């Protein structure tokens, strides 16, 4: 029984690790929002063209997308704007799925 639980737990951890795309030491070069994006916030990263992305991320302009109408979304937007205006590098993670052909943002953190 313990062996089965251990194997099941390792399988879940393995699939979770593959469900995220990590972007390290990036600068945020652009942030936009508005009706054109369905009210979401879109972010462009300095390594946009060289970063690994999920297959659904076919947008050539934007790297990540998030809903900034929630409290967490507002915090993420605040961090993204601070990073953009100061030029500091950030680490980010994107989900393995997209919203309107742009990778959905999972988290952001300062270096």
C-alpha atoms as a PDB file:
ATOM      1  CA  UNK A   1       0.000   0.000   0.000  1.00  0.00           C
ATOM      2  CA  UNK A   2       2.789   2.431   0.925  1.00  0.00           C
ATOM      3  CA  UNK A   3       4.622   1.610  -2.289  1.00  0.00           C
ATOM      4  CA  UNK A   4       1.479   2.321  -4.340  1.00  0.00           C
ATOM      5  CA  UNK A   5       0.991   5.682  -2.612  1.00  0.00           C
ATOM      6  CA  UNK A   6       4.655   6.585  -3.127  1.00  0.00           C
ATOM      7  CA  UNK A   7       4.496   5.737  -6.825  1.00  0.00           C
ATOM      8  CA  UNK A   8       1.219   7.653  -7.247  1.00  0.00           C
ATOM      9  CA  UNK A   9       2.704  10.659  -5.419  1.00  0.00           C
ATOM     10  CA  UNK A  10       5.839  10.623  -7.572  1.00  0.00           C
ATOM     11  CA  UNK A  11       3.715  10.416 -10.715  1.00  0.00           C
ATOM     12  CA  UNK A  12       1.729  13.470  -9.634  1.00  0.00           C
ATOM     13  CA  UNK A  13       4.903  15.419  -8.850  1.00  0.00           C
ATOM     14  CA  UNK A  14       6.403  14.436 -12.181  1.00  0.00           C
ATOM     15  CA  UNK A  15       3.349  15.541 -14.158  1.00  0.00           C
ATOM     16  CA  UNK A  16       3.143  18.813 -12.188  1.00  0.00           C
ATOM     17  CA  UNK A  17       6.784  19.570 -12.969  1.00  0.00           C
ATOM     18  CA  UNK A  18       6.124  19.141 -16.684  1.00  0.00           C
ATOM     19  CA  UNK A  19       3.010  21.308 -16.540  1.00  0.00           C
ATOM     20  CA  UNK A  20       4.976  24.499 -16.015  1.00  0.00           C
ATOM     21  CA  UNK A  21       7.341  26.530 -18.190  1.00  0.00           C
ATOM     22  CA  UNK A  22       9.970  28.488 -16.255  1.00  0.00           C
ATOM     23  CA  UNK A  23      11.443  31.804 -17.394  1.00  0.00           C
ATOM     24  CA  UNK A  24      14.449  32.891 -15.343  1.00  0.00           C
ATOM     25  CA  UNK A  25      16.302  36.205 -15.216  1.00  0.00           C
ATOM     26  CA  UNK A  26      13.854  37.937 -17.558  1.00  0.00           C
ATOM     27  CA  UNK A  27      13.033  41.613 -17.875  1.00  0.00           C
ATOM     28  CA  UNK A  28       9.485  42.662 -18.625  1.00  0.00           C
ATOM     29  CA  UNK A  29       9.619  44.805 -21.738  1.00  0.00           C
ATOM     30  CA  UNK A  30       5.890  45.514 -22.223  1.00  0.00           C
ATOM     31  CA  UNK A  31       2.646  45.318 -20.249  1.00  0.00           C
ATOM     32  CA  UNK A  32      -0.766  45.957 -21.823  1.00  0.00           C
ATOM     33  CA  UNK A  33      -4.449  45.565 -21.020  1.00  0.00           C
ATOM     34  CA  UNK A  34      -7.794  46.616 -22.415  1.00  0.00           C
ATOM     35  CA  UNK A  35     -10.791  45.431 -24.400  1.00  0.00           C
ATOM     36  CA  UNK A  36      -8.531  44.023 -27.123  1.00  0.00           C
ATOM     37  CA  UNK A  37      -7.292  41.472 -24.562  1.00  0.00           C
ATOM     38  CA  UNK A  38     -10.686  40.743 -23.034  1.00  0.00           C
ATOM     39  CA  UNK A  39      -9.734  42.738 -19.958  1.00  0.00           C
ATOM     40  CA  UNK A  40      -6.738  40.486 -19.255  1.00  0.00           C
ATOM     41  CA  UNK A  41      -3.173  41.728 -18.818  1.00  0.00           C
ATOM     42  CA  UNK A  42      -0.522  40.611 -21.311  1.00  0.00           C
ATOM     43  CA  UNK A  43       3.222  40.711 -20.688  1.00  0.00           C
ATOM     44  CA  UNK A  44       6.183  40.530 -23.051  1.00  0.00           C
ATOM     45  CA  UNK A  45       9.481  39.151 -21.743  1.00  0.00           C
ATOM     46  CA  UNK A  46      12.986  39.995 -22.921  1.00  0.00           C
ATOM     47  CA  UNK A  47      13.539  36.400 -24.037  1.00  0.00           C
ATOM     48  CA  UNK A  48      10.161  36.097 -25.758  1.00  0.00           C
ATOM     49  CA  UNK A  49      11.472  34.561 -28.979  1.00  0.00           C
ATOM     50  CA  UNK A  50      13.942  32.174 -27.340  1.00  0.00           C
ATOM     51  CA  UNK A  51      11.872  30.932 -24.371  1.00  0.00           C
ATOM     52  CA  UNK A  52      10.314  27.478 -24.412  1.00  0.00           C
ATOM     53  CA  UNK A  53       6.528  27.682 -24.611  1.00  0.00           C
ATOM     54  CA  UNK A  54       3.609  25.285 -24.753  1.00  0.00           C
ATOM     55  CA  UNK A  55       2.460  24.372 -28.265  1.00  0.00           C
ATOM     56  CA  UNK A  56      -0.679  26.492 -27.838  1.00  0.00           C
ATOM     57  CA  UNK A  57       1.404  29.695 -27.414  1.00  0.00           C
ATOM     58  CA  UNK A  58       1.356  30.874 -31.018  1.00  0.00           C
ATOM     59  CA  UNK A  59       1.056  34.621 -30.347  1.00  0.00           C
ATOM     60  CA  UNK A  60       4.187  36.346 -31.673  1.00  0.00           C
ATOM     61  CA  UNK A  61       3.857  39.464 -29.515  1.00  0.00           C
ATOM     62  CA  UNK A  62       2.951  38.455 -25.955  1.00  0.00           C
ATOM     63  CA  UNK A  63       4.715  36.004 -23.637  1.00  0.00           C
ATOM     64  CA  UNK A  64       2.263  35.636 -20.744  1.00  0.00           C
ATOM     65  CA  UNK A  65      -1.339  36.488 -19.936  1.00  0.00           C
ATOM     66  CA  UNK A  66      -3.228  36.853 -16.653  1.00  0.00           C
ATOM     67  CA  UNK A  67      -6.563  37.877 -15.227  1.00  0.00           C
ATOM     68  CA  UNK A  68      -5.892  40.933 -13.042  1.00  0.00           C
ATOM     69  CA  UNK A  69      -9.437  41.306 -11.716  1.00  0.00           C
ATOM     70  CA  UNK A  70      -8.811  39.040  -8.704  1.00  0.00           C
ATOM     71  CA  UNK A  71      -6.849  40.074  -5.610  1.00  0.00           C
ATOM     72  CA  UNK A  72      -3.997  37.753  -6.589  1.00  0.00           C
ATOM     73  CA  UNK A  73      -4.106  39.056 -10.155  1.00  0.00           C
ATOM     74  CA  UNK A  74      -3.834  42.626  -8.878  1.00  0.00           C
ATOM     75  CA  UNK A  75      -0.771  41.676  -6.824  1.00  0.00           C
ATOM     76  CA  UNK A  76       0.845  40.024  -9.842  1.00  0.00           C
ATOM     77  CA  UNK A  77       0.083  43.056 -12.021  1.00  0.00           C
ATOM     78  CA  UNK A  78       1.632  45.328  -9.393  1.00  0.00           C
ATOM     79  CA  UNK A  79       4.807  43.218  -9.349  1.00  0.00           C
ATOM     80  CA  UNK A  80       4.936  43.122 -13.158  1.00  0.00           C
ATOM     81  CA  UNK A  81       4.607  46.907 -13.420  1.00  0.00           C
ATOM     82  CA  UNK A  82       7.272  47.421 -10.753  1.00  0.00           C
ATOM     83  CA  UNK A  83       9.616  45.060 -12.602  1.00  0.00           C
ATOM     84  CA  UNK A  84       8.967  46.791 -15.924  1.00  0.00           C
ATOM     85  CA  UNK A  85       9.495  50.334 -14.638  1.00  0.00           C
ATOM     86  CA  UNK A  86      12.652  49.486 -12.678  1.00  0.00           C
ATOM     87  CA  UNK A  87      14.113  47.055 -15.215  1.00  0.00           C
ATOM     88  CA  UNK A  88      14.908  44.451 -12.556  1.00  0.00           C
ATOM     89  CA  UNK A  89      15.048  40.808 -13.556  1.00  0.00           C
ATOM     90  CA  UNK A  90      12.286  38.463 -12.504  1.00  0.00           C
ATOM     91  CA  UNK A  91      11.605  34.759 -12.566  1.00  0.00           C
ATOM     92  CA  UNK A  92       8.223  33.665 -13.867  1.00  0.00           C
ATOM     93  CA  UNK A  93       6.369  30.465 -14.583  1.00  0.00           C
ATOM     94  CA  UNK A  94       3.698  29.827 -17.162  1.00  0.00           C
ATOM     95  CA  UNK A  95       1.114  27.081 -17.222  1.00  0.00           C
ATOM     96  CA  UNK A  96       1.176  24.403 -19.887  1.00  0.00           C
ATOM     97  CA  UNK A  97      -2.003  25.903 -21.357  1.00  0.00           C
ATOM     98  CA  UNK A  98      -2.953  29.170 -22.991  1.00  0.00           C
ATOM     99  CA  UNK A  99      -5.589  31.865 -22.972  1.00  0.00           C
ATOM    100  CA  UNK A 100      -6.119  33.239 -26.482  1.00  0.00           C
ATOM    101  CA  UNK A 101      -2.848  31.737 -27.779  1.00  0.00           C
ATOM    102  CA  UNK A 102      -0.726  33.227 -24.959  1.00  0.00           C
ATOM    103  CA  UNK A 103       0.765  31.175 -22.104  1.00  0.00           C
ATOM    104  CA  UNK A 104      -1.186  31.664 -18.882  1.00  0.00           C
ATOM    105  CA  UNK A 105       0.977  33.103 -16.077  1.00  0.00           C
ATOM    106  CA  UNK A 106       1.362  30.881 -13.017  1.00  0.00           C
ATOM    107  CA  UNK A 107       3.614  33.039 -10.777  1.00  0.00           C
ATOM    108  CA  UNK A 108       6.199  35.828 -10.703  1.00  0.00           C
ATOM    109  CA  UNK A 109       9.030  36.514  -8.256  1.00  0.00           C
ATOM    110  CA  UNK A 110      11.836  39.019  -7.983  1.00  0.00           C
ATOM    111  CA  UNK A 111      15.408  37.780  -8.326  1.00  0.00           C
END
